[in-house]
C-alpha atoms as a PDB file:
ATOM      1  CA  MET A   1     -33.412 156.725   5.193  1.00  0.00           C
ATOM      2  CA  ASN A   2     -36.619 155.434   6.757  1.00  0.00           C
ATOM      3  CA  LYS A   3     -36.721 153.154   9.786  1.00  0.00           C
ATOM      4  CA  LEU A   4     -37.562 150.049   7.728  1.00  0.00           C
ATOM      5  CA  THR A   5     -34.635 150.528   5.361  1.00  0.00           C
ATOM      6  CA  LYS A   6     -32.302 151.193   8.277  1.00  0.00           C
ATOM      7  CA  SER A   7     -33.479 148.039  10.062  1.00  0.00           C
ATOM      8  CA  LEU A   8     -32.995 145.988   6.911  1.00  0.00           C
ATOM      9  CA  LEU A   9     -29.461 147.295   6.442  1.00  0.00           C
ATOM     10  CA  ILE A  10     -28.568 146.592  10.052  1.00  0.00           C
ATOM     11  CA  GLY A  11     -30.046 143.128   9.765  1.00  0.00           C
ATOM     12  CA  ALA A  12     -28.113 142.465   6.580  1.00  0.00           C
ATOM     13  CA  GLY A  13     -24.910 143.651   8.234  1.00  0.00           C
ATOM     14  CA  VAL A  14     -25.455 141.406  11.248  1.00  0.00           C
ATOM     15  CA  ALA A  15     -26.218 138.445   8.981  1.00  0.00           C
ATOM     16  CA  ALA A  16     -23.101 139.090   6.897  1.00  0.00           C
ATOM     17  CA  THR A  17     -20.956 139.365   9.998  1.00  0.00           C
ATOM     18  CA  ALA A  18     -22.411 136.132  11.412  1.00  0.00           C
ATOM     19  CA  ALA A  19     -21.879 134.353   8.084  1.00  0.00           C
ATOM     20  CA  ALA A  20     -18.254 135.504   7.919  1.00  0.00           C
ATOM     21  CA  ALA A  21     -17.649 134.421  11.515  1.00  0.00           C
ATOM     22  CA  SER A  22     -19.210 131.030  10.799  1.00  0.00           C
ATOM     23  CA  TYR A  23     -17.039 130.575   7.714  1.00  0.00           C
ATOM     24  CA  PHE A  24     -13.794 131.384   9.496  1.00  0.00           C
ATOM     25  CA  THR A  25     -14.734 129.257  12.519  1.00  0.00           C
ATOM     26  CA  THR A  26     -15.599 126.307  10.283  1.00  0.00           C
ATOM     27  CA  LYS A  27     -12.404 126.763   8.266  1.00  0.00           C
ATOM     28  CA  LEU A  28     -10.391 126.823  11.491  1.00  0.00           C
ATOM     29  CA  LEU A  29     -11.961 123.570  12.654  1.00  0.00           C
ATOM     30  CA  VAL A  30     -11.384 121.835   9.289  1.00  0.00           C
ATOM     31  CA  ASN A  31      -7.759 122.975   9.398  1.00  0.00           C
ATOM     32  CA  ALA A  32      -7.515 121.532  12.912  1.00  0.00           C
ATOM     33  CA  ALA A  33      -8.838 118.246  11.589  1.00  0.00           C
ATOM     34  CA  VAL A  34      -6.643 117.779   8.530  1.00  0.00           C
ATOM     35  CA  GLU A  35      -3.695 120.202   8.440  1.00  0.00           C
ATOM     36  CA  ARG A  36      -0.269 118.933   9.477  1.00  0.00           C
ATOM     37  CA  GLU A  37       0.164 121.885  11.837  1.00  0.00           C
ATOM     38  CA  VAL A  38      -2.504 122.593  14.434  1.00  0.00           C
ATOM     39  CA  PRO A  39      -3.848 126.161  14.008  1.00  0.00           C
ATOM     40  CA  GLU A  40      -2.486 128.495  16.660  1.00  0.00           C
ATOM     41  CA  PRO A  41      -5.853 129.226  18.383  1.00  0.00           C
ATOM     42  CA  LEU A  42      -6.386 125.497  18.997  1.00  0.00           C
ATOM     43  CA  ARG A  43      -2.980 124.597  20.399  1.00  0.00           C
ATOM     44  CA  ASN A  44      -3.824 124.994  24.068  1.00  0.00           C
ATOM     45  CA  GLU A  45      -4.810 121.956  26.119  1.00  0.00           C
ATOM     46  CA  ARG A  46      -8.292 123.247  26.925  1.00  0.00           C
ATOM     47  CA  MET A  47      -9.229 123.565  23.238  1.00  0.00           C
ATOM     48  CA  GLN A  48      -7.763 120.160  22.411  1.00  0.00           C
ATOM     49  CA  ASN A  49      -9.806 118.587  25.202  1.00  0.00           C
ATOM     50  CA  THR A  50     -12.900 120.351  23.879  1.00  0.00           C
ATOM     51  CA  LEU A  51     -12.324 118.850  20.427  1.00  0.00           C
ATOM     52  CA  THR A  52     -11.721 115.321  21.645  1.00  0.00           C
ATOM     53  CA  GLY A  53     -13.909 115.124  24.732  1.00  0.00           C
ATOM     54  CA  GLY A  54     -10.750 114.481  26.816  1.00  0.00           C
ATOM     55  CA  PRO A  55      -8.739 114.201  28.942  1.00  0.00           C
ATOM     56  CA  PHE A  56      -8.956 110.426  28.782  1.00  0.00           C
ATOM     57  CA  ALA A  57      -7.001 109.462  31.900  1.00  0.00           C
ATOM     58  CA  ASP A  58      -5.574 110.845  35.118  1.00  0.00           C
ATOM     59  CA  GLU A  59      -2.021 112.088  35.560  1.00  0.00           C
ATOM     60  CA  GLU A  60      -0.732 108.791  36.960  1.00  0.00           C
ATOM     61  CA  VAL A  61      -1.848 106.892  33.860  1.00  0.00           C
ATOM     62  CA  TRP A  62      -0.257 109.475  31.544  1.00  0.00           C
ATOM     63  CA  GLN A  63       3.002 109.201  33.464  1.00  0.00           C
ATOM     64  CA  ARG A  64       2.909 105.450  32.939  1.00  0.00           C
ATOM     65  CA  ILE A  65       2.251 105.907  29.226  1.00  0.00           C
ATOM     66  CA  ASP A  66       4.984 108.544  28.882  1.00  0.00           C
ATOM     67  CA  ALA A  67       7.553 106.288  30.543  1.00  0.00           C
ATOM     68  CA  ALA A  68       6.628 103.326  28.340  1.00  0.00           C
ATOM     69  CA  ALA A  69       6.628 105.537  25.227  1.00  0.00           C
ATOM     70  CA  GLU A  70      10.163 106.714  25.901  1.00  0.00           C
ATOM     71  CA  ILE A  71      11.356 103.127  26.287  1.00  0.00           C
ATOM     72  CA  LEU A  72       9.659 102.028  23.052  1.00  0.00           C
ATOM     73  CA  GLN A  73      10.889 105.001  21.031  1.00  0.00           C
ATOM     74  CA  ASN A  74      14.479 104.423  22.115  1.00  0.00           C
ATOM     75  CA  ALA A  75      14.455 100.628  21.808  1.00  0.00           C
ATOM     76  CA  GLU A  76      16.689  99.105  19.142  1.00  0.00           C
ATOM     77  CA  HIS A  77      14.909  98.939  15.797  1.00  0.00           C
ATOM     78  CA  GLU A  78      15.278  99.803  12.109  1.00  0.00           C
ATOM     79  CA  THR A  79      13.766 102.985  10.685  1.00  0.00           C
ATOM     80  CA  VAL A  80      12.502 102.273   7.170  1.00  0.00           C
ATOM     81  CA  GLU A  81      10.912 104.250   4.344  1.00  0.00           C
ATOM     82  CA  LEU A  82       8.249 103.623   1.744  1.00  0.00           C
ATOM     83  CA  THR A  83       7.076 105.749  -1.166  1.00  0.00           C
ATOM     84  CA  ALA A  84       3.301 105.845  -1.485  1.00  0.00           C
ATOM     85  CA  ASP A  85       1.533 105.708  -4.849  1.00  0.00           C
ATOM     86  CA  ASP A  86       1.125 109.488  -4.820  1.00  0.00           C
ATOM     87  CA  GLY A  87       4.832 110.040  -4.161  1.00  0.00           C
ATOM     88  CA  VAL A  88       4.566 110.822  -0.439  1.00  0.00           C
ATOM     89  CA  LYS A  89       7.485 109.520   1.611  1.00  0.00           C
ATOM     90  CA  LEU A  90       6.323 107.382   4.529  1.00  0.00           C
ATOM     91  CA  VAL A  91       8.375 106.355   7.549  1.00  0.00           C
ATOM     92  CA  GLY A  92       8.053 103.186   9.598  1.00  0.00           C
ATOM     93  CA  HIS A  93       9.792 101.556  12.540  1.00  0.00           C
ATOM     94  CA  TRP A  94      10.635  97.887  12.114  1.00  0.00           C
ATOM     95  CA  PHE A  95      11.012  95.689  15.198  1.00  0.00           C
ATOM     96  CA  TRP A  96      12.212  92.351  13.871  1.00  0.00           C
ATOM     97  CA  ARG A  97      12.206  89.173  15.982  1.00  0.00           C
ATOM     98  CA  PRO A  98      14.214  86.277  14.430  1.00  0.00           C
ATOM     99  CA  ASN A  99      11.823  83.620  15.736  1.00  0.00           C
ATOM    100  CA  ALA A 100       8.619  85.559  15.184  1.00  0.00           C
ATOM    101  CA  ARG A 101       5.378  83.602  14.896  1.00  0.00           C
ATOM    102  CA  ARG A 102       3.436  86.480  13.332  1.00  0.00           C
ATOM    103  CA  VAL A 103       3.816  90.103  12.187  1.00  0.00           C
ATOM    104  CA  ILE A 104       1.791  93.166  13.139  1.00  0.00           C
ATOM    105  CA  VAL A 105       1.365  96.304  11.034  1.00  0.00           C
ATOM    106  CA  ALA A 106       0.412  99.018  13.536  1.00  0.00           C
ATOM    107  CA  MET A 107      -1.255 102.315  12.596  1.00  0.00           C
ATOM    108  CA  HIS A 108      -1.446 105.087  15.211  1.00  0.00           C
ATOM    109  CA  GLY A 109      -4.237 107.616  15.668  1.00  0.00           C
ATOM    110  CA  TRP A 110      -5.063 111.215  14.812  1.00  0.00           C
ATOM    111  CA  ARG A 111      -2.404 113.717  15.896  1.00  0.00           C
ATOM    112  CA  SER A 112      -0.585 111.048  17.883  1.00  0.00           C
ATOM    113  CA  ALA A 113       2.568 108.955  17.478  1.00  0.00           C
ATOM    114  CA  TRP A 114       3.424 105.284  17.107  1.00  0.00           C
ATOM    115  CA  TYR A 115       5.450 105.094  20.306  1.00  0.00           C
ATOM    116  CA  ARG A 116       2.660 106.750  22.305  1.00  0.00           C
ATOM    117  CA  ASP A 117      -0.434 104.923  21.077  1.00  0.00           C
ATOM    118  CA  PHE A 118       1.257 101.520  21.370  1.00  0.00           C
ATOM    119  CA  ALA A 119       3.451 102.278  24.391  1.00  0.00           C
ATOM    120  CA  LEU A 120       1.682  99.800  26.661  1.00  0.00           C
ATOM    121  CA  SER A 121       0.643  97.121  24.174  1.00  0.00           C
ATOM    122  CA  ALA A 122       3.936  96.911  22.227  1.00  0.00           C
ATOM    123  CA  PRO A 123       5.889  95.047  24.975  1.00  0.00           C
ATOM    124  CA  PHE A 124       3.069  92.486  25.122  1.00  0.00           C
ATOM    125  CA  TRP A 125       3.255  91.982  21.349  1.00  0.00           C
ATOM    126  CA  LEU A 126       7.029  91.711  21.274  1.00  0.00           C
ATOM    127  CA  GLU A 127       7.105  89.286  24.211  1.00  0.00           C
ATOM    128  CA  HIS A 128       4.566  87.019  22.510  1.00  0.00           C
ATOM    129  CA  GLY A 129       6.347  86.245  19.274  1.00  0.00           C
ATOM    130  CA  CYS A 130       5.496  89.258  17.114  1.00  0.00           C
ATOM    131  CA  SER A 131       7.626  91.281  14.776  1.00  0.00           C
ATOM    132  CA  VAL A 132       6.052  94.729  14.423  1.00  0.00           C
ATOM    133  CA  LEU A 133       6.059  97.459  11.824  1.00  0.00           C
ATOM    134  CA  PHE A 134       4.946 100.728  13.451  1.00  0.00           C
ATOM    135  CA  ALA A 135       3.921 103.083  10.645  1.00  0.00           C
ATOM    136  CA  GLU A 136       3.990 106.853  10.942  1.00  0.00           C
ATOM    137  CA  GLN A 137       0.748 108.073   9.420  1.00  0.00           C
ATOM    138  CA  ARG A 138       0.974 110.551   6.541  1.00  0.00           C
ATOM    139  CA  GLY A 139       0.653 114.216   7.432  1.00  0.00           C
ATOM    140  CA  GLN A 140       2.077 113.499  10.877  1.00  0.00           C
ATOM    141  CA  ASN A 141       5.491 113.309  12.529  1.00  0.00           C
ATOM    142  CA  ALA A 142       8.296 112.079  10.243  1.00  0.00           C
ATOM    143  CA  SER A 143       6.123 110.931   7.324  1.00  0.00           C
ATOM    144  CA  GLY A 144       5.459 113.260   4.413  1.00  0.00           C
ATOM    145  CA  GLY A 145       2.170 114.684   3.238  1.00  0.00           C
ATOM    146  CA  ASP A 146       0.444 117.952   4.039  1.00  0.00           C
ATOM    147  CA  TYR A 147      -2.865 116.549   5.234  1.00  0.00           C
ATOM    148  CA  ILE A 148      -4.333 113.931   7.553  1.00  0.00           C
ATOM    149  CA  GLY A 149      -6.801 111.826   5.567  1.00  0.00           C
ATOM    150  CA  PHE A 150      -8.970 110.227   8.274  1.00  0.00           C
ATOM    151  CA  GLY A 151      -8.323 106.817   6.717  1.00  0.00           C
ATOM    152  CA  LEU A 152      -9.339 107.791   3.185  1.00  0.00           C
ATOM    153  CA  THR A 153      -5.724 108.063   1.993  1.00  0.00           C
ATOM    154  CA  GLU A 154      -4.072 106.134   4.829  1.00  0.00           C
ATOM    155  CA  ARG A 155      -5.818 102.883   3.889  1.00  0.00           C
ATOM    156  CA  PHE A 156      -3.650 102.705   0.776  1.00  0.00           C
ATOM    157  CA  ASP A 157      -0.543 103.354   2.887  1.00  0.00           C
ATOM    158  CA  CYS A 158      -1.575 100.500   5.184  1.00  0.00           C
ATOM    159  CA  ARG A 159      -1.970  98.229   2.175  1.00  0.00           C
ATOM    160  CA  ASP A 160       1.513  99.170   0.963  1.00  0.00           C
ATOM    161  CA  TRP A 161       3.114  98.674   4.389  1.00  0.00           C
ATOM    162  CA  THR A 162       1.434  95.278   4.608  1.00  0.00           C
ATOM    163  CA  GLN A 163       2.931  94.281   1.273  1.00  0.00           C
ATOM    164  CA  TRP A 164       6.319  95.588   2.453  1.00  0.00           C
ATOM    165  CA  VAL A 165       6.105  93.412   5.564  1.00  0.00           C
ATOM    166  CA  ASP A 166       5.034  90.350   3.580  1.00  0.00           C
ATOM    167  CA  ASP A 167       7.934  90.805   1.161  1.00  0.00           C
ATOM    168  CA  ARG A 168      10.378  91.382   4.023  1.00  0.00           C
ATOM    169  CA  CYS A 169       9.259  88.160   5.726  1.00  0.00           C
ATOM    170  CA  GLY A 170       9.178  86.119   2.541  1.00  0.00           C
ATOM    171  CA  GLY A 171       5.444  85.525   2.719  1.00  0.00           C
ATOM    172  CA  ARG A 172       5.928  83.036   5.548  1.00  0.00           C
ATOM    173  CA  LEU A 173       4.217  84.585   8.556  1.00  0.00           C
ATOM    174  CA  PRO A 174       0.627  85.472   9.476  1.00  0.00           C
ATOM    175  CA  ILE A 175       0.072  89.228   9.351  1.00  0.00           C
ATOM    176  CA  TYR A 176      -2.278  91.193  11.594  1.00  0.00           C
ATOM    177  CA  LEU A 177      -3.269  94.797  11.019  1.00  0.00           C
ATOM    178  CA  SER A 178      -3.703  96.777  14.226  1.00  0.00           C
ATOM    179  CA  GLY A 179      -4.875 100.336  14.754  1.00  0.00           C
ATOM    180  CA  ILE A 180      -6.163 102.666  17.408  1.00  0.00           C
ATOM    181  CA  SER A 181      -8.636 105.529  16.853  1.00  0.00           C
ATOM    182  CA  MET A 182      -8.033 106.866  13.317  1.00  0.00           C
ATOM    183  CA  GLY A 183      -5.519 104.042  12.951  1.00  0.00           C
ATOM    184  CA  ALA A 184      -8.336 101.577  13.635  1.00  0.00           C
ATOM    185  CA  THR A 185     -10.401 103.205  10.905  1.00  0.00           C
ATOM    186  CA  THR A 186      -7.356 102.988   8.631  1.00  0.00           C
ATOM    187  CA  VAL A 187      -6.923  99.229   9.085  1.00  0.00           C
ATOM    188  CA  LEU A 188     -10.656  98.596   8.775  1.00  0.00           C
ATOM    189  CA  MET A 189     -10.830 100.600   5.544  1.00  0.00           C
ATOM    190  CA  ALA A 190      -7.764  98.694   4.309  1.00  0.00           C
ATOM    191  CA  ALA A 191      -9.887  95.542   4.502  1.00  0.00           C
ATOM    192  CA  GLY A 192     -11.558  96.799   1.341  1.00  0.00           C
ATOM    193  CA  GLU A 193      -8.236  96.831  -0.538  1.00  0.00           C
ATOM    194  CA  PRO A 194      -6.363  93.914  -2.123  1.00  0.00           C
ATOM    195  CA  LEU A 195      -4.155  92.583   0.679  1.00  0.00           C
ATOM    196  CA  PRO A 196      -1.581  89.778   0.807  1.00  0.00           C
ATOM    197  CA  LYS A 197      -3.135  86.371   1.450  1.00  0.00           C
ATOM    198  CA  ASN A 198      -1.069  86.140   4.630  1.00  0.00           C
ATOM    199  CA  VAL A 199      -3.236  88.757   6.380  1.00  0.00           C
ATOM    200  CA  HIS A 200      -4.952  86.630   9.011  1.00  0.00           C
ATOM    201  CA  GLY A 201      -6.697  89.278  11.083  1.00  0.00           C
ATOM    202  CA  ILE A 202      -7.407  92.894  11.988  1.00  0.00           C
ATOM    203  CA  MET A 203      -7.388  94.361  15.507  1.00  0.00           C
ATOM    204  CA  ALA A 204      -9.307  97.645  15.637  1.00  0.00           C
ATOM    205  CA  ASP A 205      -9.458  99.670  18.856  1.00  0.00           C
ATOM    206  CA  CYS A 206     -12.032 102.509  18.950  1.00  0.00           C
ATOM    207  CA  GLY A 207     -12.333 103.139  15.216  1.00  0.00           C
ATOM    208  CA  PHE A 208     -14.940 105.478  13.729  1.00  0.00           C
ATOM    209  CA  THR A 209     -17.312 104.603  10.918  1.00  0.00           C
ATOM    210  CA  SER A 210     -16.393 107.346   8.430  1.00  0.00           C
ATOM    211  CA  PRO A 211     -14.762 110.777   8.251  1.00  0.00           C
ATOM    212  CA  GLN A 212     -18.175 112.360   7.806  1.00  0.00           C
ATOM    213  CA  ALA A 213     -19.583 110.571  10.858  1.00  0.00           C
ATOM    214  CA  ILE A 214     -16.751 111.572  13.209  1.00  0.00           C
ATOM    215  CA  LEU A 215     -16.768 115.195  11.977  1.00  0.00           C
ATOM    216  CA  LYS A 216     -20.498 115.312  12.625  1.00  0.00           C
ATOM    217  CA  HIS A 217     -20.157 113.747  16.084  1.00  0.00           C
ATOM    218  CA  VAL A 218     -17.382 116.089  17.215  1.00  0.00           C
ATOM    219  CA  SER A 219     -19.212 119.128  15.874  1.00  0.00           C
ATOM    220  CA  ASN A 220     -22.565 118.301  17.466  1.00  0.00           C
ATOM    221  CA  ASN A 221     -21.448 116.751  20.742  1.00  0.00           C
ATOM    222  CA  ASN A 222     -18.044 118.191  21.670  1.00  0.00           C
ATOM    223  CA  LEU A 223     -18.140 121.623  20.062  1.00  0.00           C
ATOM    224  CA  HIS A 224     -21.921 122.105  20.208  1.00  0.00           C
ATOM    225  CA  ILE A 225     -21.959 123.472  16.670  1.00  0.00           C
ATOM    226  CA  ALA A 226     -24.946 122.214  14.692  1.00  0.00           C
ATOM    227  CA  TYR A 227     -23.551 120.106  11.852  1.00  0.00           C
ATOM    228  CA  GLY A 228     -26.860 120.401  10.037  1.00  0.00           C
ATOM    229  CA  LEU A 229     -26.178 124.113   9.579  1.00  0.00           C
ATOM    230  CA  TYR A 230     -22.455 124.036   8.775  1.00  0.00           C
ATOM    231  CA  GLY A 231     -21.830 120.469   7.626  1.00  0.00           C
ATOM    232  CA  GLY A 232     -21.997 121.370   3.954  1.00  0.00           C
ATOM    233  CA  LEU A 233     -19.236 123.935   4.378  1.00  0.00           C
ATOM    234  CA  VAL A 234     -17.168 121.508   6.472  1.00  0.00           C
ATOM    235  CA  GLU A 235     -17.381 118.881   3.753  1.00  0.00           C
ATOM    236  CA  LEU A 236     -16.627 121.389   0.983  1.00  0.00           C
ATOM    237  CA  LEU A 237     -13.449 122.561   2.759  1.00  0.00           C
ATOM    238  CA  PHE A 238     -12.505 118.968   3.575  1.00  0.00           C
ATOM    239  CA  LYS A 239     -12.753 117.991  -0.090  1.00  0.00           C
ATOM    240  CA  GLN A 240     -10.818 121.060  -1.256  1.00  0.00           C
ATOM    241  CA  LYS A 241      -7.867 120.042   0.893  1.00  0.00           C
ATOM    242  CA  LEU A 242      -7.892 116.249   0.474  1.00  0.00           C
ATOM    243  CA  GLN A 243      -9.412 116.000  -2.995  1.00  0.00           C
ATOM    244  CA  ARG A 244     -11.686 113.389  -1.421  1.00  0.00           C
ATOM    245  CA  ALA A 245     -15.182 113.728  -0.033  1.00  0.00           C
ATOM    246  CA  ALA A 246     -15.762 113.055   3.668  1.00  0.00           C
ATOM    247  CA  ASP A 247     -18.435 110.506   2.732  1.00  0.00           C
ATOM    248  CA  GLU A 248     -16.435 108.969  -0.108  1.00  0.00           C
ATOM    249  CA  TYR A 249     -15.689 105.766   1.782  1.00  0.00           C
ATOM    250  CA  SER A 250     -16.410 104.217   5.162  1.00  0.00           C
ATOM    251  CA  THR A 251     -15.397 101.337   7.374  1.00  0.00           C
ATOM    252  CA  THR A 252     -18.877  99.864   7.037  1.00  0.00           C
ATOM    253  CA  GLU A 253     -18.520  99.828   3.262  1.00  0.00           C
ATOM    254  CA  ALA A 254     -15.133  98.119   3.517  1.00  0.00           C
ATOM    255  CA  LEU A 255     -16.409  95.573   6.039  1.00  0.00           C
ATOM    256  CA  ALA A 256     -19.539  94.636   4.110  1.00  0.00           C
ATOM    257  CA  ASN A 257     -17.556  92.286   1.859  1.00  0.00           C
ATOM    258  CA  ASN A 258     -14.669  91.623   4.235  1.00  0.00           C
ATOM    259  CA  THR A 259     -13.483  88.046   4.766  1.00  0.00           C
ATOM    260  CA  ILE A 260     -10.613  88.817   7.196  1.00  0.00           C
ATOM    261  CA  PRO A 261     -11.356  88.079  10.885  1.00  0.00           C
ATOM    262  CA  VAL A 262     -11.685  91.249  13.004  1.00  0.00           C
ATOM    263  CA  LEU A 263     -11.276  91.852  16.725  1.00  0.00           C
ATOM    264  CA  PHE A 264     -13.204  95.008  17.613  1.00  0.00           C
ATOM    265  CA  VAL A 265     -12.304  96.794  20.885  1.00  0.00           C
ATOM    266  CA  HIS A 266     -13.854  99.918  22.371  1.00  0.00           C
ATOM    267  CA  GLY A 267     -14.136 101.698  25.692  1.00  0.00           C
ATOM    268  CA  ALA A 268     -17.726 102.132  26.813  1.00  0.00           C
ATOM    269  CA  ASN A 269     -17.063 105.675  28.096  1.00  0.00           C
ATOM    270  CA  ASP A 270     -15.411 107.007  24.928  1.00  0.00           C
ATOM    271  CA  ARG A 271     -16.400 110.664  24.365  1.00  0.00           C
ATOM    272  CA  PHE A 272     -14.319 111.178  21.212  1.00  0.00           C
ATOM    273  CA  VAL A 273     -15.340 108.176  19.116  1.00  0.00           C
ATOM    274  CA  PRO A 274     -18.630 106.876  20.557  1.00  0.00           C
ATOM    275  CA  VAL A 275     -18.812 103.143  21.244  1.00  0.00           C
ATOM    276  CA  GLU A 276     -21.897 102.987  19.013  1.00  0.00           C
ATOM    277  CA  MET A 277     -19.570 103.358  16.021  1.00  0.00           C
ATOM    278  CA  THR A 278     -17.818 100.095  16.867  1.00  0.00           C
ATOM    279  CA  TYR A 279     -21.194  98.386  17.253  1.00  0.00           C
ATOM    280  CA  GLU A 280     -22.064  99.687  13.784  1.00  0.00           C
ATOM    281  CA  ASN A 281     -18.746  98.450  12.365  1.00  0.00           C
ATOM    282  CA  TYR A 282     -19.266  95.091  14.059  1.00  0.00           C
ATOM    283  CA  ARG A 283     -22.738  94.670  12.566  1.00  0.00           C
ATOM    284  CA  ALA A 284     -21.437  95.601   9.100  1.00  0.00           C
ATOM    285  CA  CYS A 285     -18.563  93.083   9.168  1.00  0.00           C
ATOM    286  CA  ALA A 286     -19.285  90.118   6.914  1.00  0.00           C
ATOM    287  CA  GLY A 287     -16.323  88.041   8.118  1.00  0.00           C
ATOM    288  CA  LYS A 288     -15.580  86.321  11.394  1.00  0.00           C
ATOM    289  CA  LYS A 289     -15.581  88.826  14.223  1.00  0.00           C
ATOM    290  CA  ARG A 290     -14.966  89.181  17.931  1.00  0.00           C
ATOM    291  CA  LEU A 291     -15.976  92.052  20.218  1.00  0.00           C
ATOM    292  CA  LEU A 292     -14.493  93.439  23.453  1.00  0.00           C
ATOM    293  CA  ILE A 293     -16.261  96.382  25.099  1.00  0.00           C
ATOM    294  CA  VAL A 294     -14.482  97.695  28.194  1.00  0.00           C
ATOM    295  CA  PRO A 295     -16.710  99.343  30.815  1.00  0.00           C
ATOM    296  CA  GLY A 296     -15.367 102.604  32.212  1.00  0.00           C
ATOM    297  CA  ALA A 297     -12.680 103.023  29.528  1.00  0.00           C
ATOM    298  CA  GLU A 298     -12.282 106.383  27.783  1.00  0.00           C
ATOM    299  CA  HIS A 299     -10.908 106.840  24.271  1.00  0.00           C
ATOM    300  CA  GLY A 300      -7.989 104.504  23.582  1.00  0.00           C
ATOM    301  CA  MET A 301      -7.747 103.470  27.245  1.00  0.00           C
ATOM    302  CA  SER A 302      -9.183  99.945  27.102  1.00  0.00           C
ATOM    303  CA  PHE A 303      -5.751  98.330  27.534  1.00  0.00           C
ATOM    304  CA  CYS A 304      -5.124 100.463  30.646  1.00  0.00           C
ATOM    305  CA  VAL A 305      -8.484  99.738  32.229  1.00  0.00           C
ATOM    306  CA  GLU A 306      -8.708  95.982  31.614  1.00  0.00           C
ATOM    307  CA  GLU A 307      -5.207  94.901  30.642  1.00  0.00           C
ATOM    308  CA  GLU A 308      -5.658  91.192  31.360  1.00  0.00           C
ATOM    309  CA  ASN A 309      -8.991  90.957  29.537  1.00  0.00           C
ATOM    310  CA  TYR A 310      -7.480  92.834  26.614  1.00  0.00           C
ATOM    311  CA  LYS A 311      -4.454  90.542  26.469  1.00  0.00           C
ATOM    312  CA  ASN A 312      -6.600  87.417  26.747  1.00  0.00           C
ATOM    313  CA  ALA A 313      -8.838  88.591  23.920  1.00  0.00           C
ATOM    314  CA  VAL A 314      -5.796  89.167  21.682  1.00  0.00           C
ATOM    315  CA  LEU A 315      -4.154  85.854  22.602  1.00  0.00           C
ATOM    316  CA  SER A 316      -7.402  84.017  21.888  1.00  0.00           C
ATOM    317  CA  PHE A 317      -7.688  85.847  18.554  1.00  0.00           C
ATOM    318  CA  TRP A 318      -4.165  84.833  17.547  1.00  0.00           C
ATOM    319  CA  LYS A 319      -4.689  81.246  18.674  1.00  0.00           C
ATOM    320  CA  GLU A 320      -7.833  80.997  16.571  1.00  0.00           C
ATOM    321  CA  PHE A 321      -6.570  82.656  13.399  1.00  0.00           C
ATOM    322  CA  ASP A 322      -2.773  82.160  13.206  1.00  0.00           C
END
């Protein structure tokens, strides 16, 4: 074997090894994005913070959220079920107020829980005349489904929960869709679906523009893996699992013909979903729209950082569109 042939074989071996490593790394990250169970190598806090750009708050804030979450989870309410069009069993938590002035359908975020994402805002809603349906997103917690759909599948679930709420309330009350993070993307994408006429508004806190866009952002900025090199494989694996392409639908597409008023909220210091995505969603929205950007707030922390401004923005939104 001459030196040239030997060098070529070594080079080919190195390239094959690198390609295999890239494939398994990319597959691991796609599994982390969409699988119900987090892959074992990514379960530690350091890796989760790398993925999301967190942590988003200090220990004192998390203690406050944890305490409020426990209260909300254990508060008296009705656990309800819904069967999605594809046969997946969905679970929701119904907080009914006899003299409610409006109803909220709340969608939590990626790898989170209803009682955690809305721990601080839920008491404000309930004290201000709202009945609330807290949905458990498919592929998470008590709801069925093997995969998290980044809003692509969840938008249909949101539509169905909204119809459930309208039927339950006899079509009498204004309905608002509310979501945080992936839940915000879910409710914004749902704007592109046929919704009951009683839907008066959408409240979207730190939503991304599309599955493809957030995968690209996390890869390039948080993981420092060039999406231009591996994005095609990411999207192929994504589609194999969800049977939907990562660029199949977007919030901007849904909002382009939207007529439902939207309150957009985002923390200016968000490292998981960049604030520029909310600006893009805002520009795309064809309907009436309001915008609250909270300086200094990390991902999903706008209510914590500027609680009074947040509440006032919501109260003004309800007053205008009830």
